[in-house]
Amino acid sequence: MKIFAKLTKFALILFLPTLVAAQAEANLTDYVGNEFETIPNVTYRTANGGELKLDVYLPRKREQAKPTVMFIHGGGWVEGRKEQDVLLILPYLAMGWSVVNVEYRLAKNSPAPAAVEDTRCALRWIYNHANDFKFDTSKIVLTGFSAGGHLALITGMLGANSMFDRGCPTAENVRWTTGKETPLKVAAIVNWFGITDLPDLLEGANAKHYGIEWFGSLPNRDELAKQLSPLNNVNGNTPPIITIHGDSDDLVPYSQAVNLKNALDKAKIDNQLITIKGGKHGGFNRQDTINAYASIREFLKKHNLTNIYQK
């Protein structure tokens, strides 16, 4: 019996971490529907005669303001919908965060810089409605994949009173008084293989159809591409950035991630580049994805941005 008890104890020690991990995974699926609420299709601005929408995912218990991630879908600025990658917000819900999932105008009806104007306005909407939804404006993180990664980067890197903010609705409490609003600022950016150098996509060996289509026949295409490139907007006020990028990406060159890291290092901006060995344009395997999110959580923790959910 003593030998059996020892073997049982050994087995528990050996397999307990696996059991705990499995239980943690099950817990998210158990409580997420009950303890989070969704407010879909909120209009955050009107442009080109159409209403632009966002979805808000909120912990039901939010007596205090919550860290908030603004999620931006990909699709090369030419396709995609905010609903297509909604499961990718689950890691943030698991941390007890609020999530704002944003749509934006696509190239087929609005070329550059429309998408950037939209995502800047969505960020302004978060600021203007922070009290309504308990968003912690000191803990706003932007994230996106591919073109969404680019939009997360440029939205968080543009300076105060950017020319791309001029079409954004203003808050009622300042509209008729000072005419000024709080400058937009984010705490960090999580960039999944986002474009960092737009001119690189328009001419030469790395030219891509989606980049050319987004700019179309704009007469100021080259200058606008430079203005909208994260690589050209790195400065001392740039927020911390973590980038995840496959070194075999055939749609967004891995060199763009490396060049961004070099620019951030030169400007002494805290950053990290997670390289997925052999990784293509997303679709990473399970372990690479798990490792990437572990690095993201550590990066956020380093900047005092974690808020693990307590049931």
C-alpha atoms as a PDB file:
ATOM      1  CA  MET A   1       0.000   0.000   0.000  1.00  0.00           C
ATOM      2  CA  LYS A   2       2.856   2.368   0.810  1.00  0.00           C
ATOM      3  CA  ILE A   3       4.381   1.692  -2.610  1.00  0.00           C
ATOM      4  CA  PHE A   4       1.006   2.358  -4.258  1.00  0.00           C
ATOM      5  CA  ALA A   5       0.610   5.611  -2.310  1.00  0.00           C
ATOM      6  CA  LYS A   6       4.078   6.744  -3.371  1.00  0.00           C
ATOM      7  CA  LEU A   7       3.357   5.915  -6.999  1.00  0.00           C
ATOM      8  CA  THR A   8       0.058   7.795  -6.803  1.00  0.00           C
ATOM      9  CA  LYS A   9       1.776  10.836  -5.299  1.00  0.00           C
ATOM     10  CA  PHE A  10       4.460  10.696  -8.000  1.00  0.00           C
ATOM     11  CA  ALA A  11       1.825  10.496 -10.735  1.00  0.00           C
ATOM     12  CA  LEU A  12      -0.005  13.516  -9.329  1.00  0.00           C
ATOM     13  CA  ILE A  13       3.206  15.538  -9.217  1.00  0.00           C
ATOM     14  CA  LEU A  14       4.059  14.490 -12.755  1.00  0.00           C
ATOM     15  CA  PHE A  15       0.688  15.160 -14.345  1.00  0.00           C
ATOM     16  CA  LEU A  16      -0.717  17.969 -12.167  1.00  0.00           C
ATOM     17  CA  PRO A  17       0.639  20.788 -14.411  1.00  0.00           C
ATOM     18  CA  THR A  18      -1.055  19.187 -17.422  1.00  0.00           C
ATOM     19  CA  LEU A  19      -4.307  18.776 -15.517  1.00  0.00           C
ATOM     20  CA  VAL A  20      -4.192  22.377 -14.308  1.00  0.00           C
ATOM     21  CA  ALA A  21      -3.484  23.650 -17.812  1.00  0.00           C
ATOM     22  CA  ALA A  22      -6.353  21.619 -19.236  1.00  0.00           C
ATOM     23  CA  GLN A  23      -8.652  22.916 -16.513  1.00  0.00           C
ATOM     24  CA  ALA A  24      -7.583  26.514 -17.247  1.00  0.00           C
ATOM     25  CA  GLU A  25      -8.412  26.047 -20.925  1.00  0.00           C
ATOM     26  CA  ALA A  26     -11.795  24.566 -20.055  1.00  0.00           C
ATOM     27  CA  ASN A  27     -12.532  27.401 -17.637  1.00  0.00           C
ATOM     28  CA  LEU A  28     -12.331  30.030 -20.370  1.00  0.00           C
ATOM     29  CA  THR A  29     -14.905  28.254 -22.485  1.00  0.00           C
ATOM     30  CA  ASP A  30     -17.074  27.798 -19.412  1.00  0.00           C
ATOM     31  CA  TYR A  31     -17.241  31.382 -18.209  1.00  0.00           C
ATOM     32  CA  VAL A  32     -16.582  33.582 -21.224  1.00  0.00           C
ATOM     33  CA  GLY A  33     -20.210  33.571 -22.387  1.00  0.00           C
ATOM     34  CA  ASN A  34     -21.600  34.352 -18.966  1.00  0.00           C
ATOM     35  CA  GLU A  35     -19.081  36.794 -17.608  1.00  0.00           C
ATOM     36  CA  PHE A  36     -18.451  38.899 -20.696  1.00  0.00           C
ATOM     37  CA  GLU A  37     -20.972  40.841 -22.711  1.00  0.00           C
ATOM     38  CA  THR A  38     -20.908  41.901 -26.343  1.00  0.00           C
ATOM     39  CA  ILE A  39     -22.181  45.212 -27.685  1.00  0.00           C
ATOM     40  CA  PRO A  40     -22.102  44.766 -31.476  1.00  0.00           C
ATOM     41  CA  ASN A  41     -22.091  47.214 -34.357  1.00  0.00           C
ATOM     42  CA  VAL A  42     -21.666  50.507 -32.550  1.00  0.00           C
ATOM     43  CA  THR A  43     -21.251  53.388 -35.010  1.00  0.00           C
ATOM     44  CA  TYR A  44     -18.036  55.250 -34.304  1.00  0.00           C
ATOM     45  CA  ARG A  45     -18.002  57.534 -37.335  1.00  0.00           C
ATOM     46  CA  THR A  46     -19.679  58.213 -40.673  1.00  0.00           C
ATOM     47  CA  ALA A  47     -17.575  58.473 -43.822  1.00  0.00           C
ATOM     48  CA  ASN A  48     -18.346  58.325 -47.535  1.00  0.00           C
ATOM     49  CA  GLY A  49     -22.019  58.216 -46.662  1.00  0.00           C
ATOM     50  CA  GLY A  50     -21.680  55.002 -44.651  1.00  0.00           C
ATOM     51  CA  GLU A  51     -21.580  54.189 -40.956  1.00  0.00           C
ATOM     52  CA  LEU A  52     -18.424  52.534 -39.653  1.00  0.00           C
ATOM     53  CA  LYS A  53     -18.944  50.019 -36.865  1.00  0.00           C
ATOM     54  CA  LEU A  54     -17.079  48.474 -33.991  1.00  0.00           C
ATOM     55  CA  ASP A  55     -17.897  45.691 -31.534  1.00  0.00           C
ATOM     56  CA  VAL A  56     -17.228  46.014 -27.814  1.00  0.00           C
ATOM     57  CA  TYR A  57     -16.492  43.023 -25.570  1.00  0.00           C
ATOM     58  CA  LEU A  58     -16.679  43.809 -21.868  1.00  0.00           C
ATOM     59  CA  PRO A  59     -16.224  41.965 -18.570  1.00  0.00           C
ATOM     60  CA  ARG A  60     -19.568  42.207 -16.789  1.00  0.00           C
ATOM     61  CA  LYS A  61     -17.767  43.010 -13.542  1.00  0.00           C
ATOM     62  CA  ARG A  62     -16.036  46.294 -14.267  1.00  0.00           C
ATOM     63  CA  GLU A  63     -16.338  48.461 -11.200  1.00  0.00           C
ATOM     64  CA  GLN A  64     -12.851  49.690 -12.075  1.00  0.00           C
ATOM     65  CA  ALA A  65     -11.525  50.718 -15.464  1.00  0.00           C
ATOM     66  CA  LYS A  66     -10.068  47.831 -17.463  1.00  0.00           C
ATOM     67  CA  PRO A  67      -7.066  47.528 -19.764  1.00  0.00           C
ATOM     68  CA  THR A  68      -8.404  47.639 -23.307  1.00  0.00           C
ATOM     69  CA  VAL A  69      -7.135  46.206 -26.567  1.00  0.00           C
ATOM     70  CA  MET A  70      -8.208  47.635 -29.919  1.00  0.00           C
ATOM     71  CA  PHE A  71      -8.175  44.830 -32.470  1.00  0.00           C
ATOM     72  CA  ILE A  72      -7.831  45.533 -36.210  1.00  0.00           C
ATOM     73  CA  HIS A  73      -8.402  42.859 -38.853  1.00  0.00           C
ATOM     74  CA  GLY A  74      -6.103  42.190 -41.795  1.00  0.00           C
ATOM     75  CA  GLY A  75      -6.695  41.769 -45.523  1.00  0.00           C
ATOM     76  CA  GLY A  76      -4.171  44.049 -47.218  1.00  0.00           C
ATOM     77  CA  TRP A  77      -6.495  47.067 -46.833  1.00  0.00           C
ATOM     78  CA  VAL A  78      -8.466  45.606 -49.762  1.00  0.00           C
ATOM     79  CA  GLU A  79     -10.611  42.923 -48.114  1.00  0.00           C
ATOM     80  CA  GLY A  80     -11.656  41.480 -44.765  1.00  0.00           C
ATOM     81  CA  ARG A  81     -14.284  42.065 -42.086  1.00  0.00           C
ATOM     82  CA  LYS A  82     -14.061  42.705 -38.370  1.00  0.00           C
ATOM     83  CA  GLU A  83     -15.877  39.433 -37.655  1.00  0.00           C
ATOM     84  CA  GLN A  84     -13.421  37.221 -39.547  1.00  0.00           C
ATOM     85  CA  ASP A  85     -10.786  36.914 -36.819  1.00  0.00           C
ATOM     86  CA  VAL A  86     -12.899  37.473 -33.734  1.00  0.00           C
ATOM     87  CA  LEU A  87     -11.559  34.337 -31.981  1.00  0.00           C
ATOM     88  CA  LEU A  88      -8.152  36.006 -31.871  1.00  0.00           C
ATOM     89  CA  ILE A  89      -9.426  38.283 -29.105  1.00  0.00           C
ATOM     90  CA  LEU A  90      -9.818  35.341 -26.695  1.00  0.00           C
ATOM     91  CA  PRO A  91      -6.326  35.666 -25.119  1.00  0.00           C
ATOM     92  CA  TYR A  92      -7.253  39.207 -24.051  1.00  0.00           C
ATOM     93  CA  LEU A  93     -10.639  38.166 -22.675  1.00  0.00           C
ATOM     94  CA  ALA A  94      -8.813  35.477 -20.704  1.00  0.00           C
ATOM     95  CA  MET A  95      -6.773  38.259 -19.091  1.00  0.00           C
ATOM     96  CA  GLY A  96      -9.948  40.095 -18.147  1.00  0.00           C
ATOM     97  CA  TRP A  97      -9.469  42.911 -20.647  1.00  0.00           C
ATOM     98  CA  SER A  98     -12.051  44.831 -22.614  1.00  0.00           C
ATOM     99  CA  VAL A  99     -11.781  44.504 -26.396  1.00  0.00           C
ATOM    100  CA  VAL A 100     -12.833  46.900 -29.154  1.00  0.00           C
ATOM    101  CA  ASN A 101     -12.937  45.197 -32.568  1.00  0.00           C
ATOM    102  CA  VAL A 102     -12.878  47.719 -35.408  1.00  0.00           C
ATOM    103  CA  GLU A 103     -13.920  47.797 -39.056  1.00  0.00           C
ATOM    104  CA  TYR A 104     -12.520  50.342 -41.508  1.00  0.00           C
ATOM    105  CA  ARG A 105     -12.956  51.430 -45.105  1.00  0.00           C
ATOM    106  CA  LEU A 106     -11.357  49.232 -47.754  1.00  0.00           C
ATOM    107  CA  ALA A 107      -9.614  50.169 -50.994  1.00  0.00           C
ATOM    108  CA  LYS A 108     -12.578  49.282 -53.210  1.00  0.00           C
ATOM    109  CA  ASN A 109     -14.417  52.412 -52.092  1.00  0.00           C
ATOM    110  CA  SER A 110     -11.805  54.431 -50.188  1.00  0.00           C
ATOM    111  CA  PRO A 111      -8.082  54.364 -51.038  1.00  0.00           C
ATOM    112  CA  ALA A 112      -5.328  55.394 -48.660  1.00  0.00           C
ATOM    113  CA  PRO A 113      -5.288  57.031 -46.184  1.00  0.00           C
ATOM    114  CA  ALA A 114      -8.958  56.221 -45.371  1.00  0.00           C
ATOM    115  CA  ALA A 115      -8.220  53.126 -43.271  1.00  0.00           C
ATOM    116  CA  VAL A 116      -5.746  55.082 -41.115  1.00  0.00           C
ATOM    117  CA  GLU A 117      -8.228  57.923 -40.633  1.00  0.00           C
ATOM    118  CA  ASP A 118     -10.801  55.361 -39.515  1.00  0.00           C
ATOM    119  CA  THR A 119      -8.623  53.548 -37.005  1.00  0.00           C
ATOM    120  CA  ARG A 120      -7.447  56.855 -35.547  1.00  0.00           C
ATOM    121  CA  CYS A 121     -11.113  57.805 -35.114  1.00  0.00           C
ATOM    122  CA  ALA A 122     -11.814  54.437 -33.485  1.00  0.00           C
ATOM    123  CA  LEU A 123      -9.035  55.119 -30.991  1.00  0.00           C
ATOM    124  CA  ARG A 124     -10.562  58.557 -30.370  1.00  0.00           C
ATOM    125  CA  TRP A 125     -13.921  56.851 -29.801  1.00  0.00           C
ATOM    126  CA  ILE A 126     -12.343  54.720 -27.054  1.00  0.00           C
ATOM    127  CA  TYR A 127     -11.061  57.858 -25.353  1.00  0.00           C
ATOM    128  CA  ASN A 128     -14.390  59.650 -25.697  1.00  0.00           C
ATOM    129  CA  HIS A 129     -16.339  56.704 -24.251  1.00  0.00           C
ATOM    130  CA  ALA A 130     -13.898  55.603 -21.572  1.00  0.00           C
ATOM    131  CA  ASN A 131     -16.274  56.516 -18.741  1.00  0.00           C
ATOM    132  CA  ASP A 132     -19.236  54.806 -20.399  1.00  0.00           C
ATOM    133  CA  PHE A 133     -17.478  51.455 -20.797  1.00  0.00           C
ATOM    134  CA  LYS A 134     -14.780  51.646 -18.109  1.00  0.00           C
ATOM    135  CA  PHE A 135     -11.868  51.699 -20.544  1.00  0.00           C
ATOM    136  CA  ASP A 136      -8.556  52.465 -18.832  1.00  0.00           C
ATOM    137  CA  THR A 137      -7.039  55.013 -21.216  1.00  0.00           C
ATOM    138  CA  SER A 138      -3.641  54.602 -19.548  1.00  0.00           C
ATOM    139  CA  LYS A 139      -3.686  50.934 -20.600  1.00  0.00           C
ATOM    140  CA  ILE A 140      -4.789  50.886 -24.234  1.00  0.00           C
ATOM    141  CA  VAL A 141      -3.001  48.359 -26.443  1.00  0.00           C
ATOM    142  CA  LEU A 142      -3.375  48.168 -30.217  1.00  0.00           C
ATOM    143  CA  THR A 143      -3.042  44.906 -32.111  1.00  0.00           C
ATOM    144  CA  GLY A 144      -3.650  43.519 -35.577  1.00  0.00           C
ATOM    145  CA  PHE A 145      -2.472  41.037 -38.176  1.00  0.00           C
ATOM    146  CA  SER A 146      -0.855  41.920 -41.521  1.00  0.00           C
ATOM    147  CA  ALA A 147      -2.550  45.130 -42.754  1.00  0.00           C
ATOM    148  CA  GLY A 148      -4.158  45.206 -39.311  1.00  0.00           C
ATOM    149  CA  GLY A 149      -0.663  45.096 -37.839  1.00  0.00           C
ATOM    150  CA  HIS A 150       0.288  48.090 -39.972  1.00  0.00           C
ATOM    151  CA  LEU A 151      -2.827  49.959 -38.848  1.00  0.00           C
ATOM    152  CA  ALA A 152      -2.125  49.130 -35.203  1.00  0.00           C
ATOM    153  CA  LEU A 153       1.416  50.460 -35.610  1.00  0.00           C
ATOM    154  CA  ILE A 154       0.636  53.681 -37.447  1.00  0.00           C
ATOM    155  CA  THR A 155      -2.441  54.417 -35.321  1.00  0.00           C
ATOM    156  CA  GLY A 156      -0.360  54.201 -32.170  1.00  0.00           C
ATOM    157  CA  MET A 157       2.693  55.982 -33.554  1.00  0.00           C
ATOM    158  CA  LEU A 158       1.163  59.102 -35.103  1.00  0.00           C
ATOM    159  CA  GLY A 159       1.614  62.225 -33.017  1.00  0.00           C
ATOM    160  CA  ALA A 160      -0.952  64.447 -31.350  1.00  0.00           C
ATOM    161  CA  ASN A 161      -3.173  66.484 -33.671  1.00  0.00           C
ATOM    162  CA  SER A 162      -2.263  64.366 -36.669  1.00  0.00           C
ATOM    163  CA  MET A 163      -3.669  65.482 -40.010  1.00  0.00           C
ATOM    164  CA  PHE A 164      -5.322  62.061 -40.205  1.00  0.00           C
ATOM    165  CA  ASP A 165      -7.488  62.870 -37.153  1.00  0.00           C
ATOM    166  CA  ARG A 166      -9.374  65.790 -38.676  1.00  0.00           C
ATOM    167  CA  GLY A 167     -12.512  63.844 -39.594  1.00  0.00           C
ATOM    168  CA  CYS A 168     -13.004  62.277 -36.163  1.00  0.00           C
ATOM    169  CA  PRO A 169     -16.125  63.173 -34.147  1.00  0.00           C
ATOM    170  CA  THR A 170     -15.249  65.137 -31.035  1.00  0.00           C
ATOM    171  CA  ALA A 171     -16.541  64.506 -27.521  1.00  0.00           C
ATOM    172  CA  GLU A 172     -19.641  66.458 -26.562  1.00  0.00           C
ATOM    173  CA  ASN A 173     -18.024  67.845 -23.426  1.00  0.00           C
ATOM    174  CA  VAL A 174     -15.308  69.647 -25.402  1.00  0.00           C
ATOM    175  CA  ARG A 175     -17.035  70.361 -28.696  1.00  0.00           C
ATOM    176  CA  TRP A 176     -18.525  73.657 -27.567  1.00  0.00           C
ATOM    177  CA  THR A 177     -15.892  74.661 -25.012  1.00  0.00           C
ATOM    178  CA  THR A 178     -12.170  74.396 -25.646  1.00  0.00           C
ATOM    179  CA  GLY A 179     -12.371  72.643 -28.992  1.00  0.00           C
ATOM    180  CA  LYS A 180      -9.474  70.466 -27.816  1.00  0.00           C
ATOM    181  CA  GLU A 181      -9.354  66.844 -26.768  1.00  0.00           C
ATOM    182  CA  THR A 182      -6.911  64.652 -24.909  1.00  0.00           C
ATOM    183  CA  PRO A 183      -4.025  63.665 -27.203  1.00  0.00           C
ATOM    184  CA  LEU A 184      -4.283  60.056 -28.341  1.00  0.00           C
ATOM    185  CA  LYS A 185      -1.717  57.838 -26.659  1.00  0.00           C
ATOM    186  CA  VAL A 186      -1.389  54.081 -26.379  1.00  0.00           C
ATOM    187  CA  ALA A 187       0.545  52.018 -23.872  1.00  0.00           C
ATOM    188  CA  ALA A 188       1.875  49.351 -26.264  1.00  0.00           C
ATOM    189  CA  ILE A 189       1.432  47.793 -29.700  1.00  0.00           C
ATOM    190  CA  VAL A 190       1.295  44.068 -30.507  1.00  0.00           C
ATOM    191  CA  ASN A 191       2.189  43.772 -34.182  1.00  0.00           C
ATOM    192  CA  TRP A 192       1.603  40.488 -35.988  1.00  0.00           C
ATOM    193  CA  PHE A 193       3.602  40.581 -39.266  1.00  0.00           C
ATOM    194  CA  GLY A 194       2.421  44.099 -40.095  1.00  0.00           C
ATOM    195  CA  ILE A 195       3.696  46.236 -42.965  1.00  0.00           C
ATOM    196  CA  THR A 196       6.219  48.808 -41.789  1.00  0.00           C
ATOM    197  CA  ASP A 197       7.609  50.220 -45.067  1.00  0.00           C
ATOM    198  CA  LEU A 198       4.896  51.105 -47.576  1.00  0.00           C
ATOM    199  CA  PRO A 199       7.103  52.457 -50.399  1.00  0.00           C
ATOM    200  CA  ASP A 200       8.839  49.056 -50.397  1.00  0.00           C
ATOM    201  CA  LEU A 201       5.516  47.475 -51.479  1.00  0.00           C
ATOM    202  CA  LEU A 202       4.884  49.870 -54.351  1.00  0.00           C
ATOM    203  CA  GLU A 203       7.998  49.470 -56.480  1.00  0.00           C
ATOM    204  CA  GLY A 204      10.771  46.961 -56.970  1.00  0.00           C
ATOM    205  CA  ALA A 205      11.267  43.347 -55.928  1.00  0.00           C
ATOM    206  CA  ASN A 206       8.857  43.551 -52.983  1.00  0.00           C
ATOM    207  CA  ALA A 207       5.980  45.262 -54.811  1.00  0.00           C
ATOM    208  CA  LYS A 208       2.642  43.715 -53.790  1.00  0.00           C
ATOM    209  CA  HIS A 209      -0.716  43.955 -55.508  1.00  0.00           C
ATOM    210  CA  TYR A 210      -2.557  44.866 -52.309  1.00  0.00           C
ATOM    211  CA  GLY A 211      -0.272  47.826 -51.606  1.00  0.00           C
ATOM    212  CA  ILE A 212      -0.561  49.092 -55.177  1.00  0.00           C
ATOM    213  CA  GLU A 213      -4.346  48.682 -55.051  1.00  0.00           C
ATOM    214  CA  TRP A 214      -4.664  50.563 -51.752  1.00  0.00           C
ATOM    215  CA  PHE A 215      -2.942  53.644 -53.170  1.00  0.00           C
ATOM    216  CA  GLY A 216      -4.339  53.292 -56.687  1.00  0.00           C
ATOM    217  CA  SER A 217      -3.675  56.263 -58.925  1.00  0.00           C
ATOM    218  CA  LEU A 218      -3.332  58.873 -56.178  1.00  0.00           C
ATOM    219  CA  PRO A 219      -1.107  61.687 -57.475  1.00  0.00           C
ATOM    220  CA  ASN A 220       0.741  61.949 -54.156  1.00  0.00           C
ATOM    221  CA  ARG A 221       1.154  58.197 -53.744  1.00  0.00           C
ATOM    222  CA  ASP A 222       4.862  58.135 -52.915  1.00  0.00           C
ATOM    223  CA  GLU A 223       4.748  60.938 -50.355  1.00  0.00           C
ATOM    224  CA  LEU A 224       1.624  59.543 -48.704  1.00  0.00           C
ATOM    225  CA  ALA A 225       3.207  56.082 -48.512  1.00  0.00           C
ATOM    226  CA  LYS A 226       6.139  57.588 -46.612  1.00  0.00           C
ATOM    227  CA  GLN A 227       3.810  59.423 -44.215  1.00  0.00           C
ATOM    228  CA  LEU A 228       1.871  56.232 -43.479  1.00  0.00           C
ATOM    229  CA  SER A 229       4.933  54.034 -42.931  1.00  0.00           C
ATOM    230  CA  PRO A 230       5.621  53.102 -39.293  1.00  0.00           C
ATOM    231  CA  LEU A 231       9.319  52.999 -40.173  1.00  0.00           C
ATOM    232  CA  ASN A 232       9.189  56.749 -40.846  1.00  0.00           C
ATOM    233  CA  ASN A 233       7.267  57.552 -37.663  1.00  0.00           C
ATOM    234  CA  VAL A 234       9.641  56.155 -35.051  1.00  0.00           C
ATOM    235  CA  ASN A 235      10.611  58.796 -32.484  1.00  0.00           C
ATOM    236  CA  GLY A 236      11.159  59.233 -28.766  1.00  0.00           C
ATOM    237  CA  ASN A 237       7.424  59.127 -28.073  1.00  0.00           C
ATOM    238  CA  THR A 238       6.809  55.803 -29.826  1.00  0.00           C
ATOM    239  CA  PRO A 239       5.140  53.274 -27.478  1.00  0.00           C
ATOM    240  CA  PRO A 240       6.686  49.884 -26.692  1.00  0.00           C
ATOM    241  CA  ILE A 241       6.226  47.431 -29.584  1.00  0.00           C
ATOM    242  CA  ILE A 242       6.371  43.652 -29.792  1.00  0.00           C
ATOM    243  CA  THR A 243       6.406  42.137 -33.283  1.00  0.00           C
ATOM    244  CA  ILE A 244       5.710  38.539 -34.293  1.00  0.00           C
ATOM    245  CA  HIS A 245       6.810  37.666 -37.825  1.00  0.00           C
ATOM    246  CA  GLY A 246       7.678  34.535 -39.789  1.00  0.00           C
ATOM    247  CA  ASP A 247      11.067  34.608 -41.490  1.00  0.00           C
ATOM    248  CA  SER A 248       9.587  32.928 -44.603  1.00  0.00           C
ATOM    249  CA  ASP A 249       6.675  35.323 -45.030  1.00  0.00           C
ATOM    250  CA  ASP A 250       5.934  35.718 -48.736  1.00  0.00           C
ATOM    251  CA  LEU A 251       3.370  38.534 -48.433  1.00  0.00           C
ATOM    252  CA  VAL A 252       5.021  40.919 -45.973  1.00  0.00           C
ATOM    253  CA  PRO A 253       8.810  40.625 -46.152  1.00  0.00           C
ATOM    254  CA  TYR A 254      10.430  39.605 -42.865  1.00  0.00           C
ATOM    255  CA  SER A 255      13.007  42.327 -43.525  1.00  0.00           C
ATOM    256  CA  GLN A 256      10.298  44.880 -42.704  1.00  0.00           C
ATOM    257  CA  ALA A 257      10.114  43.549 -39.145  1.00  0.00           C
ATOM    258  CA  VAL A 258      13.903  43.577 -38.833  1.00  0.00           C
ATOM    259  CA  ASN A 259      14.134  47.140 -40.147  1.00  0.00           C
ATOM    260  CA  LEU A 260      11.483  48.303 -37.684  1.00  0.00           C
ATOM    261  CA  LYS A 261      13.349  46.683 -34.802  1.00  0.00           C
ATOM    262  CA  ASN A 262      16.580  48.380 -35.852  1.00  0.00           C
ATOM    263  CA  ALA A 263      14.853  51.766 -36.001  1.00  0.00           C
ATOM    264  CA  LEU A 264      13.247  51.222 -32.589  1.00  0.00           C
ATOM    265  CA  ASP A 265      16.562  50.149 -31.079  1.00  0.00           C
ATOM    266  CA  LYS A 266      18.239  53.245 -32.490  1.00  0.00           C
ATOM    267  CA  ALA A 267      15.525  55.449 -30.944  1.00  0.00           C
ATOM    268  CA  LYS A 268      15.879  53.537 -27.648  1.00  0.00           C
ATOM    269  CA  ILE A 269      12.244  52.387 -27.711  1.00  0.00           C
ATOM    270  CA  ASP A 270      11.614  49.187 -25.791  1.00  0.00           C
ATOM    271  CA  ASN A 271      10.706  46.497 -28.300  1.00  0.00           C
ATOM    272  CA  GLN A 272      10.923  42.816 -29.069  1.00  0.00           C
ATOM    273  CA  LEU A 273      10.935  40.810 -32.300  1.00  0.00           C
ATOM    274  CA  ILE A 274       9.639  37.250 -32.060  1.00  0.00           C
ATOM    275  CA  THR A 275      10.824  35.360 -35.125  1.00  0.00           C
ATOM    276  CA  ILE A 276       8.820  32.320 -36.167  1.00  0.00           C
ATOM    277  CA  LYS A 277      11.409  30.066 -37.815  1.00  0.00           C
ATOM    278  CA  GLY A 278      10.099  28.918 -41.198  1.00  0.00           C
ATOM    279  CA  GLY A 279       6.878  30.821 -40.524  1.00  0.00           C
ATOM    280  CA  LYS A 280       4.819  31.995 -43.472  1.00  0.00           C
ATOM    281  CA  HIS A 281       2.219  34.778 -43.470  1.00  0.00           C
ATOM    282  CA  GLY A 282       0.415  33.651 -40.326  1.00  0.00           C
ATOM    283  CA  GLY A 283      -1.060  30.193 -39.906  1.00  0.00           C
ATOM    284  CA  PHE A 284       1.644  29.368 -37.348  1.00  0.00           C
ATOM    285  CA  ASN A 285       1.531  25.986 -35.664  1.00  0.00           C
ATOM    286  CA  ARG A 286       0.055  25.556 -32.212  1.00  0.00           C
ATOM    287  CA  GLN A 287       3.307  25.593 -30.258  1.00  0.00           C
ATOM    288  CA  ASP A 288       4.668  28.646 -32.068  1.00  0.00           C
ATOM    289  CA  THR A 289       1.401  30.452 -31.351  1.00  0.00           C
ATOM    290  CA  ILE A 290       1.429  29.448 -27.681  1.00  0.00           C
ATOM    291  CA  ASN A 291       5.031  30.619 -27.370  1.00  0.00           C
ATOM    292  CA  ALA A 292       4.202  33.907 -29.090  1.00  0.00           C
ATOM    293  CA  TYR A 293       1.345  34.677 -26.695  1.00  0.00           C
ATOM    294  CA  ALA A 294       3.532  33.751 -23.731  1.00  0.00           C
ATOM    295  CA  SER A 295       6.045  36.347 -24.959  1.00  0.00           C
ATOM    296  CA  ILE A 296       3.265  38.888 -25.471  1.00  0.00           C
ATOM    297  CA  ARG A 297       2.005  38.422 -21.914  1.00  0.00           C
ATOM    298  CA  GLU A 298       5.528  38.824 -20.546  1.00  0.00           C
ATOM    299  CA  PHE A 299       6.019  41.965 -22.625  1.00  0.00           C
ATOM    300  CA  LEU A 300       2.729  43.429 -21.377  1.00  0.00           C
ATOM    301  CA  LYS A 301       3.589  42.467 -17.801  1.00  0.00           C
ATOM    302  CA  LYS A 302       6.918  44.238 -18.148  1.00  0.00           C
ATOM    303  CA  HIS A 303       4.984  47.417 -18.928  1.00  0.00           C
ATOM    304  CA  ASN A 304       2.462  46.923 -16.118  1.00  0.00           C
ATOM    305  CA  LEU A 305      -0.311  46.021 -18.552  1.00  0.00           C
ATOM    306  CA  THR A 306      -1.523  42.668 -17.298  1.00  0.00           C
ATOM    307  CA  ASN A 307      -4.785  42.252 -15.446  1.00  0.00           C
ATOM    308  CA  ILE A 308      -5.438  38.541 -15.030  1.00  0.00           C
ATOM    309  CA  TYR A 309      -9.138  37.866 -14.660  1.00  0.00           C
ATOM    310  CA  GLN A 310     -10.378  36.787 -11.233  1.00  0.00           C
ATOM    311  CA  LYS A 311     -13.647  34.896 -11.203  1.00  0.00           C
END
